[in-house]
Amino acid sequence: ARNPYAFPELLLEEGLEAWTAREVWLV
């Protein structure tokens, strides 16, 4: 999600900019 080069079509075709989620809680 944070890497703009991962799945570039999400940015190019859907306009979804990279995003860093800062924490994960596992159940």
mmCIF file of all heavy atoms, coordinates in Angstrom:
data_MODEL
# 
_entry.id   MODEL 
# 
loop_
_atom_site.group_PDB 
_atom_site.id 
_atom_site.type_symbol 
_atom_site.label_atom_id 
_atom_site.label_alt_id 
_atom_site.label_comp_id 
_atom_site.label_asym_id 
_atom_site.label_entity_id 
_atom_site.label_seq_id 
_atom_site.pdbx_PDB_ins_code 
_atom_site.Cartn_x 
_atom_site.Cartn_y 
_atom_site.Cartn_z 
_atom_site.occupancy 
_atom_site.B_iso_or_equiv 
_atom_site.pdbx_formal_charge 
_atom_site.auth_seq_id 
_atom_site.auth_comp_id 
_atom_site.auth_asym_id 
_atom_site.auth_atom_id 
_atom_site.pdbx_PDB_model_num 
ATOM 1   N N   . ALA A 1 1  ? 0.822  -1.224  0.000   1.00 0.00 ? 1  ALA A N   1 
ATOM 2   C CA  . ALA A 1 1  ? 0.000  0.000   0.000   1.00 0.00 ? 1  ALA A CA  1 
ATOM 3   C C   . ALA A 1 1  ? 0.850  1.265   0.000   1.00 0.00 ? 1  ALA A C   1 
ATOM 4   O O   . ALA A 1 1  ? 0.466  2.280   -0.572  1.00 0.00 ? 1  ALA A O   1 
ATOM 5   C CB  . ALA A 1 1  ? -0.945 -0.007  1.201   1.00 0.00 ? 1  ALA A CB  1 
ATOM 6   N N   . ARG A 1 2  ? 2.012  1.187   0.638   1.00 0.00 ? 2  ARG A N   1 
ATOM 7   C CA  . ARG A 1 2  ? 2.853  2.379   0.748   1.00 0.00 ? 2  ARG A CA  1 
ATOM 8   C C   . ARG A 1 2  ? 3.796  2.562   -0.427  1.00 0.00 ? 2  ARG A C   1 
ATOM 9   O O   . ARG A 1 2  ? 4.443  3.607   -0.546  1.00 0.00 ? 2  ARG A O   1 
ATOM 10  C CB  . ARG A 1 2  ? 3.675  2.308   2.043   1.00 0.00 ? 2  ARG A CB  1 
ATOM 11  C CG  . ARG A 1 2  ? 4.762  1.237   2.036   1.00 0.00 ? 2  ARG A CG  1 
ATOM 12  C CD  . ARG A 1 2  ? 5.453  1.127   3.379   1.00 0.00 ? 2  ARG A CD  1 
ATOM 13  N NE  . ARG A 1 2  ? 4.519  0.732   4.417   1.00 0.00 ? 2  ARG A NE  1 
ATOM 14  C CZ  . ARG A 1 2  ? 4.776  0.790   5.725   1.00 0.00 ? 2  ARG A CZ  1 
ATOM 15  N NH1 . ARG A 1 2  ? 5.951  1.232   6.138   1.00 0.00 ? 2  ARG A NH1 1 
ATOM 16  N NH2 . ARG A 1 2  ? 3.879  0.403   6.600   1.00 0.00 ? 2  ARG A NH2 1 
ATOM 17  N N   . ASN A 1 3  ? 3.903  1.563   -1.263  1.00 0.00 ? 3  ASN A N   1 
ATOM 18  C CA  . ASN A 1 3  ? 4.868  1.583   -2.365  1.00 0.00 ? 3  ASN A CA  1 
ATOM 19  C C   . ASN A 1 3  ? 4.178  2.037   -3.649  1.00 0.00 ? 3  ASN A C   1 
ATOM 20  O O   . ASN A 1 3  ? 3.355  1.304   -4.221  1.00 0.00 ? 3  ASN A O   1 
ATOM 21  C CB  . ASN A 1 3  ? 5.459  0.182   -2.554  1.00 0.00 ? 3  ASN A CB  1 
ATOM 22  C CG  . ASN A 1 3  ? 6.473  0.132   -3.683  1.00 0.00 ? 3  ASN A CG  1 
ATOM 23  O OD1 . ASN A 1 3  ? 6.781  1.150   -4.319  1.00 0.00 ? 3  ASN A OD1 1 
ATOM 24  N ND2 . ASN A 1 3  ? 6.993  -1.058  -3.957  1.00 0.00 ? 3  ASN A ND2 1 
ATOM 25  N N   . PRO A 1 4  ? 4.468  3.236   -4.155  1.00 0.00 ? 4  PRO A N   1 
ATOM 26  C CA  . PRO A 1 4  ? 3.788  3.728   -5.360  1.00 0.00 ? 4  PRO A CA  1 
ATOM 27  C C   . PRO A 1 4  ? 4.079  2.891   -6.599  1.00 0.00 ? 4  PRO A C   1 
ATOM 28  O O   . PRO A 1 4  ? 3.348  2.987   -7.596  1.00 0.00 ? 4  PRO A O   1 
ATOM 29  C CB  . PRO A 1 4  ? 4.312  5.151   -5.508  1.00 0.00 ? 4  PRO A CB  1 
ATOM 30  C CG  . PRO A 1 4  ? 5.628  5.161   -4.799  1.00 0.00 ? 4  PRO A CG  1 
ATOM 31  C CD  . PRO A 1 4  ? 5.477  4.203   -3.651  1.00 0.00 ? 4  PRO A CD  1 
ATOM 32  N N   . TYR A 1 5  ? 5.111  2.042   -6.543  1.00 0.00 ? 5  TYR A N   1 
ATOM 33  C CA  . TYR A 1 5  ? 5.447  1.203   -7.680  1.00 0.00 ? 5  TYR A CA  1 
ATOM 34  C C   . TYR A 1 5  ? 4.759  -0.160  -7.617  1.00 0.00 ? 5  TYR A C   1 
ATOM 35  O O   . TYR A 1 5  ? 4.841  -0.929  -8.581  1.00 0.00 ? 5  TYR A O   1 
ATOM 36  C CB  . TYR A 1 5  ? 6.959  1.027   -7.777  1.00 0.00 ? 5  TYR A CB  1 
ATOM 37  C CG  . TYR A 1 5  ? 7.681  2.336   -8.003  1.00 0.00 ? 5  TYR A CG  1 
ATOM 38  C CD1 . TYR A 1 5  ? 8.286  3.002   -6.945  1.00 0.00 ? 5  TYR A CD1 1 
ATOM 39  C CD2 . TYR A 1 5  ? 7.735  2.924   -9.266  1.00 0.00 ? 5  TYR A CD2 1 
ATOM 40  C CE1 . TYR A 1 5  ? 8.927  4.215   -7.136  1.00 0.00 ? 5  TYR A CE1 1 
ATOM 41  C CE2 . TYR A 1 5  ? 8.370  4.134   -9.478  1.00 0.00 ? 5  TYR A CE2 1 
ATOM 42  C CZ  . TYR A 1 5  ? 8.971  4.775   -8.398  1.00 0.00 ? 5  TYR A CZ  1 
ATOM 43  O OH  . TYR A 1 5  ? 9.601  5.982   -8.597  1.00 0.00 ? 5  TYR A OH  1 
ATOM 44  N N   . ALA A 1 6  ? 4.101  -0.449  -6.495  1.00 0.00 ? 6  ALA A N   1 
ATOM 45  C CA  . ALA A 1 6  ? 3.346  -1.691  -6.380  1.00 0.00 ? 6  ALA A CA  1 
ATOM 46  C C   . ALA A 1 6  ? 1.949  -1.477  -6.949  1.00 0.00 ? 6  ALA A C   1 
ATOM 47  O O   . ALA A 1 6  ? 1.284  -0.489  -6.629  1.00 0.00 ? 6  ALA A O   1 
ATOM 48  C CB  . ALA A 1 6  ? 3.252  -2.113  -4.914  1.00 0.00 ? 6  ALA A CB  1 
ATOM 49  N N   . PHE A 1 7  ? 1.508  -2.386  -7.804  1.00 0.00 ? 7  PHE A N   1 
ATOM 50  C CA  . PHE A 1 7  ? 0.202  -2.275  -8.451  1.00 0.00 ? 7  PHE A CA  1 
ATOM 51  C C   . PHE A 1 7  ? -0.004 -0.863  -9.007  1.00 0.00 ? 7  PHE A C   1 
ATOM 52  O O   . PHE A 1 7  ? -0.932 -0.145  -8.606  1.00 0.00 ? 7  PHE A O   1 
ATOM 53  C CB  . PHE A 1 7  ? -0.919 -2.644  -7.467  1.00 0.00 ? 7  PHE A CB  1 
ATOM 54  C CG  . PHE A 1 7  ? -0.710 -3.956  -6.762  1.00 0.00 ? 7  PHE A CG  1 
ATOM 55  C CD1 . PHE A 1 7  ? -0.648 -4.021  -5.376  1.00 0.00 ? 7  PHE A CD1 1 
ATOM 56  C CD2 . PHE A 1 7  ? -0.567 -5.132  -7.492  1.00 0.00 ? 7  PHE A CD2 1 
ATOM 57  C CE1 . PHE A 1 7  ? -0.454 -5.222  -4.728  1.00 0.00 ? 7  PHE A CE1 1 
ATOM 58  C CE2 . PHE A 1 7  ? -0.386 -6.356  -6.848  1.00 0.00 ? 7  PHE A CE2 1 
ATOM 59  C CZ  . PHE A 1 7  ? -0.322 -6.398  -5.462  1.00 0.00 ? 7  PHE A CZ  1 
ATOM 60  N N   . PRO A 1 8  ? 0.849  -0.422  -9.921  1.00 0.00 ? 8  PRO A N   1 
ATOM 61  C CA  . PRO A 1 8  ? 0.790  0.959   -10.411 1.00 0.00 ? 8  PRO A CA  1 
ATOM 62  C C   . PRO A 1 8  ? -0.548 1.314   -11.040 1.00 0.00 ? 8  PRO A C   1 
ATOM 63  O O   . PRO A 1 8  ? -0.919 2.491   -11.091 1.00 0.00 ? 8  PRO A O   1 
ATOM 64  C CB  . PRO A 1 8  ? 1.936  1.025   -11.426 1.00 0.00 ? 8  PRO A CB  1 
ATOM 65  C CG  . PRO A 1 8  ? 2.191  -0.399  -11.816 1.00 0.00 ? 8  PRO A CG  1 
ATOM 66  C CD  . PRO A 1 8  ? 1.914  -1.200  -10.593 1.00 0.00 ? 8  PRO A CD  1 
ATOM 67  N N   . GLU A 1 9  ? -1.300 0.302   -11.487 1.00 0.00 ? 9  GLU A N   1 
ATOM 68  C CA  . GLU A 1 9  ? -2.599 0.601   -12.092 1.00 0.00 ? 9  GLU A CA  1 
ATOM 69  C C   . GLU A 1 9  ? -3.574 1.189   -11.068 1.00 0.00 ? 9  GLU A C   1 
ATOM 70  O O   . GLU A 1 9  ? -4.528 1.897   -11.445 1.00 0.00 ? 9  GLU A O   1 
ATOM 71  C CB  . GLU A 1 9  ? -3.198 -0.664  -12.722 1.00 0.00 ? 9  GLU A CB  1 
ATOM 72  C CG  . GLU A 1 9  ? -3.462 -1.811  -11.757 1.00 0.00 ? 9  GLU A CG  1 
ATOM 73  C CD  . GLU A 1 9  ? -2.262 -2.712  -11.547 1.00 0.00 ? 9  GLU A CD  1 
ATOM 74  O OE1 . GLU A 1 9  ? -1.121 -2.267  -11.820 1.00 0.00 ? 9  GLU A OE1 1 
ATOM 75  O OE2 . GLU A 1 9  ? -2.461 -3.856  -11.102 1.00 0.00 ? 9  GLU A OE2 1 
ATOM 76  N N   . LEU A 1 10 ? -3.358 0.923   -9.783  1.00 0.00 ? 10 LEU A N   1 
ATOM 77  C CA  . LEU A 1 10 ? -4.227 1.522   -8.773  1.00 0.00 ? 10 LEU A CA  1 
ATOM 78  C C   . LEU A 1 10 ? -4.090 3.040   -8.765  1.00 0.00 ? 10 LEU A C   1 
ATOM 79  O O   . LEU A 1 10 ? -5.064 3.759   -8.517  1.00 0.00 ? 10 LEU A O   1 
ATOM 80  C CB  . LEU A 1 10 ? -3.903 0.958   -7.382  1.00 0.00 ? 10 LEU A CB  1 
ATOM 81  C CG  . LEU A 1 10 ? -4.218 -0.520  -7.158  1.00 0.00 ? 10 LEU A CG  1 
ATOM 82  C CD1 . LEU A 1 10 ? -3.822 -0.932  -5.743  1.00 0.00 ? 10 LEU A CD1 1 
ATOM 83  C CD2 . LEU A 1 10 ? -5.692 -0.809  -7.397  1.00 0.00 ? 10 LEU A CD2 1 
ATOM 84  N N   . LEU A 1 11 ? -2.894 3.517   -9.043  1.00 0.00 ? 11 LEU A N   1 
ATOM 85  C CA  . LEU A 1 11 ? -2.680 4.962   -9.149  1.00 0.00 ? 11 LEU A CA  1 
ATOM 86  C C   . LEU A 1 11 ? -3.073 5.472   -10.524 1.00 0.00 ? 11 LEU A C   1 
ATOM 87  O O   . LEU A 1 11 ? -3.828 6.446   -10.658 1.00 0.00 ? 11 LEU A O   1 
ATOM 88  C CB  . LEU A 1 11 ? -1.222 5.300   -8.859  1.00 0.00 ? 11 LEU A CB  1 
ATOM 89  C CG  . LEU A 1 11 ? -0.808 6.765   -9.074  1.00 0.00 ? 11 LEU A CG  1 
ATOM 90  C CD1 . LEU A 1 11 ? -1.624 7.691   -8.167  1.00 0.00 ? 11 LEU A CD1 1 
ATOM 91  C CD2 . LEU A 1 11 ? 0.681  6.940   -8.831  1.00 0.00 ? 11 LEU A CD2 1 
ATOM 92  N N   . LEU A 1 12 ? -2.598 4.807   -11.576 1.00 0.00 ? 12 LEU A N   1 
ATOM 93  C CA  . LEU A 1 12 ? -2.778 5.307   -12.935 1.00 0.00 ? 12 LEU A CA  1 
ATOM 94  C C   . LEU A 1 12 ? -4.238 5.237   -13.387 1.00 0.00 ? 12 LEU A C   1 
ATOM 95  O O   . LEU A 1 12 ? -4.718 6.124   -14.103 1.00 0.00 ? 12 LEU A O   1 
ATOM 96  C CB  . LEU A 1 12 ? -1.888 4.526   -13.898 1.00 0.00 ? 12 LEU A CB  1 
ATOM 97  C CG  . LEU A 1 12 ? -0.380 4.649   -13.644 1.00 0.00 ? 12 LEU A CG  1 
ATOM 98  C CD1 . LEU A 1 12 ? 0.393  3.734   -14.577 1.00 0.00 ? 12 LEU A CD1 1 
ATOM 99  C CD2 . LEU A 1 12 ? 0.075  6.096   -13.809 1.00 0.00 ? 12 LEU A CD2 1 
ATOM 100 N N   . GLU A 1 13 ? -4.937 4.172   -12.991 1.00 0.00 ? 13 GLU A N   1 
ATOM 101 C CA  . GLU A 1 13 ? -6.306 3.963   -13.466 1.00 0.00 ? 13 GLU A CA  1 
ATOM 102 C C   . GLU A 1 13 ? -7.363 4.373   -12.449 1.00 0.00 ? 13 GLU A C   1 
ATOM 103 O O   . GLU A 1 13 ? -8.494 4.707   -12.828 1.00 0.00 ? 13 GLU A O   1 
ATOM 104 C CB  . GLU A 1 13 ? -6.503 2.494   -13.853 1.00 0.00 ? 13 GLU A CB  1 
ATOM 105 C CG  . GLU A 1 13 ? -5.591 2.029   -14.970 1.00 0.00 ? 13 GLU A CG  1 
ATOM 106 C CD  . GLU A 1 13 ? -5.695 0.541   -15.238 1.00 0.00 ? 13 GLU A CD  1 
ATOM 107 O OE1 . GLU A 1 13 ? -6.641 -0.088  -14.699 1.00 0.00 ? 13 GLU A OE1 1 
ATOM 108 O OE2 . GLU A 1 13 ? -4.830 0.009   -15.965 1.00 0.00 ? 13 GLU A OE2 1 
ATOM 109 N N   . GLU A 1 14 ? -7.016 4.336   -11.150 1.00 0.00 ? 14 GLU A N   1 
ATOM 110 C CA  . GLU A 1 14 ? -8.015 4.608   -10.120 1.00 0.00 ? 14 GLU A CA  1 
ATOM 111 C C   . GLU A 1 14 ? -7.678 5.816   -9.255  1.00 0.00 ? 14 GLU A C   1 
ATOM 112 O O   . GLU A 1 14 ? -8.473 6.216   -8.403  1.00 0.00 ? 14 GLU A O   1 
ATOM 113 C CB  . GLU A 1 14 ? -8.191 3.365   -9.235  1.00 0.00 ? 14 GLU A CB  1 
ATOM 114 C CG  . GLU A 1 14 ? -8.620 2.127   -10.005 1.00 0.00 ? 14 GLU A CG  1 
ATOM 115 C CD  . GLU A 1 14 ? -8.781 0.902   -9.122  1.00 0.00 ? 14 GLU A CD  1 
ATOM 116 O OE1 . GLU A 1 14 ? -9.267 1.062   -7.970  1.00 0.00 ? 14 GLU A OE1 1 
ATOM 117 O OE2 . GLU A 1 14 ? -8.426 -0.208  -9.561  1.00 0.00 ? 14 GLU A OE2 1 
ATOM 118 N N   . GLY A 1 15 ? -6.489 6.389   -9.481  1.00 0.00 ? 15 GLY A N   1 
ATOM 119 C CA  . GLY A 1 15 ? -6.111 7.592   -8.748  1.00 0.00 ? 15 GLY A CA  1 
ATOM 120 C C   . GLY A 1 15 ? -5.833 7.371   -7.276  1.00 0.00 ? 15 GLY A C   1 
ATOM 121 O O   . GLY A 1 15 ? -5.927 8.304   -6.479  1.00 0.00 ? 15 GLY A O   1 
ATOM 122 N N   . LEU A 1 16 ? -5.467 6.139   -6.892  1.00 0.00 ? 16 LEU A N   1 
ATOM 123 C CA  . LEU A 1 16 ? -5.252 5.810   -5.488  1.00 0.00 ? 16 LEU A CA  1 
ATOM 124 C C   . LEU A 1 16 ? -3.775 5.969   -5.131  1.00 0.00 ? 16 LEU A C   1 
ATOM 125 O O   . LEU A 1 16 ? -2.932 5.154   -5.502  1.00 0.00 ? 16 LEU A O   1 
ATOM 126 C CB  . LEU A 1 16 ? -5.721 4.380   -5.198  1.00 0.00 ? 16 LEU A CB  1 
ATOM 127 C CG  . LEU A 1 16 ? -7.227 4.147   -5.389  1.00 0.00 ? 16 LEU A CG  1 
ATOM 128 C CD1 . LEU A 1 16 ? -7.568 2.683   -5.226  1.00 0.00 ? 16 LEU A CD1 1 
ATOM 129 C CD2 . LEU A 1 16 ? -8.035 5.010   -4.412  1.00 0.00 ? 16 LEU A CD2 1 
ATOM 130 N N   . GLU A 1 17 ? -3.477 7.026   -4.409  1.00 0.00 ? 17 GLU A N   1 
ATOM 131 C CA  . GLU A 1 17 ? -2.111 7.319   -3.998  1.00 0.00 ? 17 GLU A CA  1 
ATOM 132 C C   . GLU A 1 17 ? -1.646 6.323   -2.928  1.00 0.00 ? 17 GLU A C   1 
ATOM 133 O O   . GLU A 1 17 ? -2.445 5.761   -2.180  1.00 0.00 ? 17 GLU A O   1 
ATOM 134 C CB  . GLU A 1 17 ? -2.034 8.735   -3.420  1.00 0.00 ? 17 GLU A CB  1 
ATOM 135 C CG  . GLU A 1 17 ? -2.402 9.839   -4.402  1.00 0.00 ? 17 GLU A CG  1 
ATOM 136 C CD  . GLU A 1 17 ? -1.260 10.190  -5.337  1.00 0.00 ? 17 GLU A CD  1 
ATOM 137 O OE1 . GLU A 1 17 ? -0.144 9.648   -5.151  1.00 0.00 ? 17 GLU A OE1 1 
ATOM 138 O OE2 . GLU A 1 17 ? -1.486 11.018  -6.243  1.00 0.00 ? 17 GLU A OE2 1 
ATOM 139 N N   . ALA A 1 18 ? -0.337 6.117   -2.843  1.00 0.00 ? 18 ALA A N   1 
ATOM 140 C CA  . ALA A 1 18 ? 0.244  5.250   -1.822  1.00 0.00 ? 18 ALA A CA  1 
ATOM 141 C C   . ALA A 1 18 ? -0.125 5.752   -0.432  1.00 0.00 ? 18 ALA A C   1 
ATOM 142 O O   . ALA A 1 18 ? -0.295 6.959   -0.206  1.00 0.00 ? 18 ALA A O   1 
ATOM 143 C CB  . ALA A 1 18 ? 1.756  5.190   -1.991  1.00 0.00 ? 18 ALA A CB  1 
ATOM 144 N N   . TRP A 1 19 ? -0.239 4.792   0.504   1.00 0.00 ? 19 TRP A N   1 
ATOM 145 C CA  . TRP A 1 19 ? -0.619 5.143   1.869   1.00 0.00 ? 19 TRP A CA  1 
ATOM 146 C C   . TRP A 1 19 ? 0.088  4.216   2.852   1.00 0.00 ? 19 TRP A C   1 
ATOM 147 O O   . TRP A 1 19 ? 0.167  3.002   2.635   1.00 0.00 ? 19 TRP A O   1 
ATOM 148 C CB  . TRP A 1 19 ? -2.127 5.026   2.082   1.00 0.00 ? 19 TRP A CB  1 
ATOM 149 C CG  . TRP A 1 19 ? -2.536 5.322   3.493   1.00 0.00 ? 19 TRP A CG  1 
ATOM 150 C CD1 . TRP A 1 19 ? -2.886 4.422   4.459   1.00 0.00 ? 19 TRP A CD1 1 
ATOM 151 C CD2 . TRP A 1 19 ? -2.602 6.609   4.114   1.00 0.00 ? 19 TRP A CD2 1 
ATOM 152 N NE1 . TRP A 1 19 ? -3.180 5.056   5.638   1.00 0.00 ? 19 TRP A NE1 1 
ATOM 153 C CE2 . TRP A 1 19 ? -3.013 6.408   5.455   1.00 0.00 ? 19 TRP A CE2 1 
ATOM 154 C CE3 . TRP A 1 19 ? -2.348 7.901   3.670   1.00 0.00 ? 19 TRP A CE3 1 
ATOM 155 C CZ2 . TRP A 1 19 ? -3.182 7.464   6.352   1.00 0.00 ? 19 TRP A CZ2 1 
ATOM 156 C CZ3 . TRP A 1 19 ? -2.521 8.955   4.558   1.00 0.00 ? 19 TRP A CZ3 1 
ATOM 157 C CH2 . TRP A 1 19 ? -2.929 8.742   5.878   1.00 0.00 ? 19 TRP A CH2 1 
ATOM 158 N N   . THR A 1 20 ? 0.593  4.791   3.941   1.00 0.00 ? 20 THR A N   1 
ATOM 159 C CA  . THR A 1 20 ? 1.254  4.015   4.998   1.00 0.00 ? 20 THR A CA  1 
ATOM 160 C C   . THR A 1 20 ? 0.348  3.907   6.214   1.00 0.00 ? 20 THR A C   1 
ATOM 161 O O   . THR A 1 20 ? 0.062  4.911   6.880   1.00 0.00 ? 20 THR A O   1 
ATOM 162 C CB  . THR A 1 20 ? 2.585  4.670   5.409   1.00 0.00 ? 20 THR A CB  1 
ATOM 163 O OG1 . THR A 1 20 ? 3.471  4.694   4.292   1.00 0.00 ? 20 THR A OG1 1 
ATOM 164 C CG2 . THR A 1 20 ? 3.225  3.898   6.560   1.00 0.00 ? 20 THR A CG2 1 
ATOM 165 N N   . ALA A 1 21 ? -0.132 2.707   6.482   1.00 0.00 ? 21 ALA A N   1 
ATOM 166 C CA  . ALA A 1 21 ? -0.833 2.431   7.739   1.00 0.00 ? 21 ALA A CA  1 
ATOM 167 C C   . ALA A 1 21 ? 0.234  2.225   8.813   1.00 0.00 ? 21 ALA A C   1 
ATOM 168 O O   . ALA A 1 21 ? 1.131  1.396   8.666   1.00 0.00 ? 21 ALA A O   1 
ATOM 169 C CB  . ALA A 1 21 ? -1.707 1.193   7.602   1.00 0.00 ? 21 ALA A CB  1 
ATOM 170 N N   . ARG A 1 22 ? 0.128  2.963   9.898   1.00 0.00 ? 22 ARG A N   1 
ATOM 171 C CA  . ARG A 1 22 ? 1.239  3.043   10.836  1.00 0.00 ? 22 ARG A CA  1 
ATOM 172 C C   . ARG A 1 22 ? 1.284  1.900   11.850  1.00 0.00 ? 22 ARG A C   1 
ATOM 173 O O   . ARG A 1 22 ? 2.308  1.692   12.509  1.00 0.00 ? 22 ARG A O   1 
ATOM 174 C CB  . ARG A 1 22 ? 1.175  4.379   11.574  1.00 0.00 ? 22 ARG A CB  1 
ATOM 175 C CG  . ARG A 1 22 ? 1.343  5.575   10.637  1.00 0.00 ? 22 ARG A CG  1 
ATOM 176 C CD  . ARG A 1 22 ? 0.945  6.865   11.294  1.00 0.00 ? 22 ARG A CD  1 
ATOM 177 N NE  . ARG A 1 22 ? 1.761  7.148   12.480  1.00 0.00 ? 22 ARG A NE  1 
ATOM 178 C CZ  . ARG A 1 22 ? 1.437  8.047   13.397  1.00 0.00 ? 22 ARG A CZ  1 
ATOM 179 N NH1 . ARG A 1 22 ? 0.311  8.735   13.287  1.00 0.00 ? 22 ARG A NH1 1 
ATOM 180 N NH2 . ARG A 1 22 ? 2.226  8.254   14.433  1.00 0.00 ? 22 ARG A NH2 1 
ATOM 181 N N   . GLU A 1 23 ? 0.186  1.163   11.976  1.00 0.00 ? 23 GLU A N   1 
ATOM 182 C CA  . GLU A 1 23 ? 0.179  0.097   12.977  1.00 0.00 ? 23 GLU A CA  1 
ATOM 183 C C   . GLU A 1 23 ? -0.843 -0.962  12.580  1.00 0.00 ? 23 GLU A C   1 
ATOM 184 O O   . GLU A 1 23 ? -1.846 -0.675  11.939  1.00 0.00 ? 23 GLU A O   1 
ATOM 185 C CB  . GLU A 1 23 ? -0.178 0.687   14.350  1.00 0.00 ? 23 GLU A CB  1 
ATOM 186 C CG  . GLU A 1 23 ? 0.184  -0.187  15.539  1.00 0.00 ? 23 GLU A CG  1 
ATOM 187 C CD  . GLU A 1 23 ? 0.173  0.631   16.836  1.00 0.00 ? 23 GLU A CD  1 
ATOM 188 O OE1 . GLU A 1 23 ? -0.908 0.746   17.449  1.00 0.00 ? 23 GLU A OE1 1 
ATOM 189 O OE2 . GLU A 1 23 ? 1.233  1.170   17.207  1.00 0.00 ? 23 GLU A OE2 1 
ATOM 190 N N   . VAL A 1 24 ? -0.553 -2.212  12.963  1.00 0.00 ? 24 VAL A N   1 
ATOM 191 C CA  . VAL A 1 24 ? -1.471 -3.329  12.751  1.00 0.00 ? 24 VAL A CA  1 
ATOM 192 C C   . VAL A 1 24 ? -1.704 -4.015  14.096  1.00 0.00 ? 24 VAL A C   1 
ATOM 193 O O   . VAL A 1 24 ? -0.749 -4.226  14.856  1.00 0.00 ? 24 VAL A O   1 
ATOM 194 C CB  . VAL A 1 24 ? -0.899 -4.347  11.735  1.00 0.00 ? 24 VAL A CB  1 
ATOM 195 C CG1 . VAL A 1 24 ? -1.845 -5.533  11.582  1.00 0.00 ? 24 VAL A CG1 1 
ATOM 196 C CG2 . VAL A 1 24 ? -0.654 -3.684  10.383  1.00 0.00 ? 24 VAL A CG2 1 
ATOM 197 N N   . TRP A 1 25 ? -2.966 -4.363  14.380  1.00 0.00 ? 25 TRP A N   1 
ATOM 198 C CA  . TRP A 1 25 ? -3.293 -5.171  15.550  1.00 0.00 ? 25 TRP A CA  1 
ATOM 199 C C   . TRP A 1 25 ? -3.799 -6.516  15.053  1.00 0.00 ? 25 TRP A C   1 
ATOM 200 O O   . TRP A 1 25 ? -4.737 -6.584  14.256  1.00 0.00 ? 25 TRP A O   1 
ATOM 201 C CB  . TRP A 1 25 ? -4.374 -4.512  16.403  1.00 0.00 ? 25 TRP A CB  1 
ATOM 202 C CG  . TRP A 1 25 ? -3.954 -3.238  17.081  1.00 0.00 ? 25 TRP A CG  1 
ATOM 203 C CD1 . TRP A 1 25 ? -2.758 -2.585  16.985  1.00 0.00 ? 25 TRP A CD1 1 
ATOM 204 C CD2 . TRP A 1 25 ? -4.750 -2.458  17.977  1.00 0.00 ? 25 TRP A CD2 1 
ATOM 205 N NE1 . TRP A 1 25 ? -2.749 -1.461  17.744  1.00 0.00 ? 25 TRP A NE1 1 
ATOM 206 C CE2 . TRP A 1 25 ? -3.963 -1.345  18.380  1.00 0.00 ? 25 TRP A CE2 1 
ATOM 207 C CE3 . TRP A 1 25 ? -6.047 -2.580  18.478  1.00 0.00 ? 25 TRP A CE3 1 
ATOM 208 C CZ2 . TRP A 1 25 ? -4.447 -0.382  19.261  1.00 0.00 ? 25 TRP A CZ2 1 
ATOM 209 C CZ3 . TRP A 1 25 ? -6.524 -1.622  19.350  1.00 0.00 ? 25 TRP A CZ3 1 
ATOM 210 C CH2 . TRP A 1 25 ? -5.734 -0.534  19.753  1.00 0.00 ? 25 TRP A CH2 1 
ATOM 211 N N   . LEU A 1 26 ? -3.161 -7.584  15.496  1.00 0.00 ? 26 LEU A N   1 
ATOM 212 C CA  . LEU A 1 26 ? -3.507 -8.937  15.077  1.00 0.00 ? 26 LEU A CA  1 
ATOM 213 C C   . LEU A 1 26 ? -4.379 -9.616  16.127  1.00 0.00 ? 26 LEU A C   1 
ATOM 214 O O   . LEU A 1 26 ? -4.099 -9.535  17.333  1.00 0.00 ? 26 LEU A O   1 
ATOM 215 C CB  . LEU A 1 26 ? -2.241 -9.762  14.859  1.00 0.00 ? 26 LEU A CB  1 
ATOM 216 C CG  . LEU A 1 26 ? -1.237 -9.215  13.837  1.00 0.00 ? 26 LEU A CG  1 
ATOM 217 C CD1 . LEU A 1 26 ? 0.024  -10.066 13.838  1.00 0.00 ? 26 LEU A CD1 1 
ATOM 218 C CD2 . LEU A 1 26 ? -1.859 -9.153  12.449  1.00 0.00 ? 26 LEU A CD2 1 
ATOM 219 N N   . VAL A 1 27 ? -5.426 -10.304 15.673  1.00 0.00 ? 27 VAL A N   1 
ATOM 220 C CA  . VAL A 1 27 ? -6.307 -11.042 16.572  1.00 0.00 ? 27 VAL A CA  1 
ATOM 221 C C   . VAL A 1 27 ? -6.134 -12.540 16.346  1.00 0.00 ? 27 VAL A C   1 
ATOM 222 O O   . VAL A 1 27 ? -5.782 -12.980 15.253  1.00 0.00 ? 27 VAL A O   1 
ATOM 223 C CB  . VAL A 1 27 ? -7.782 -10.645 16.375  1.00 0.00 ? 27 VAL A CB  1 
ATOM 224 C CG1 . VAL A 1 27 ? -7.980 -9.164  16.617  1.00 0.00 ? 27 VAL A CG1 1 
ATOM 225 C CG2 . VAL A 1 27 ? -8.276 -11.019 14.985  1.00 0.00 ? 27 VAL A CG2 1 
# 
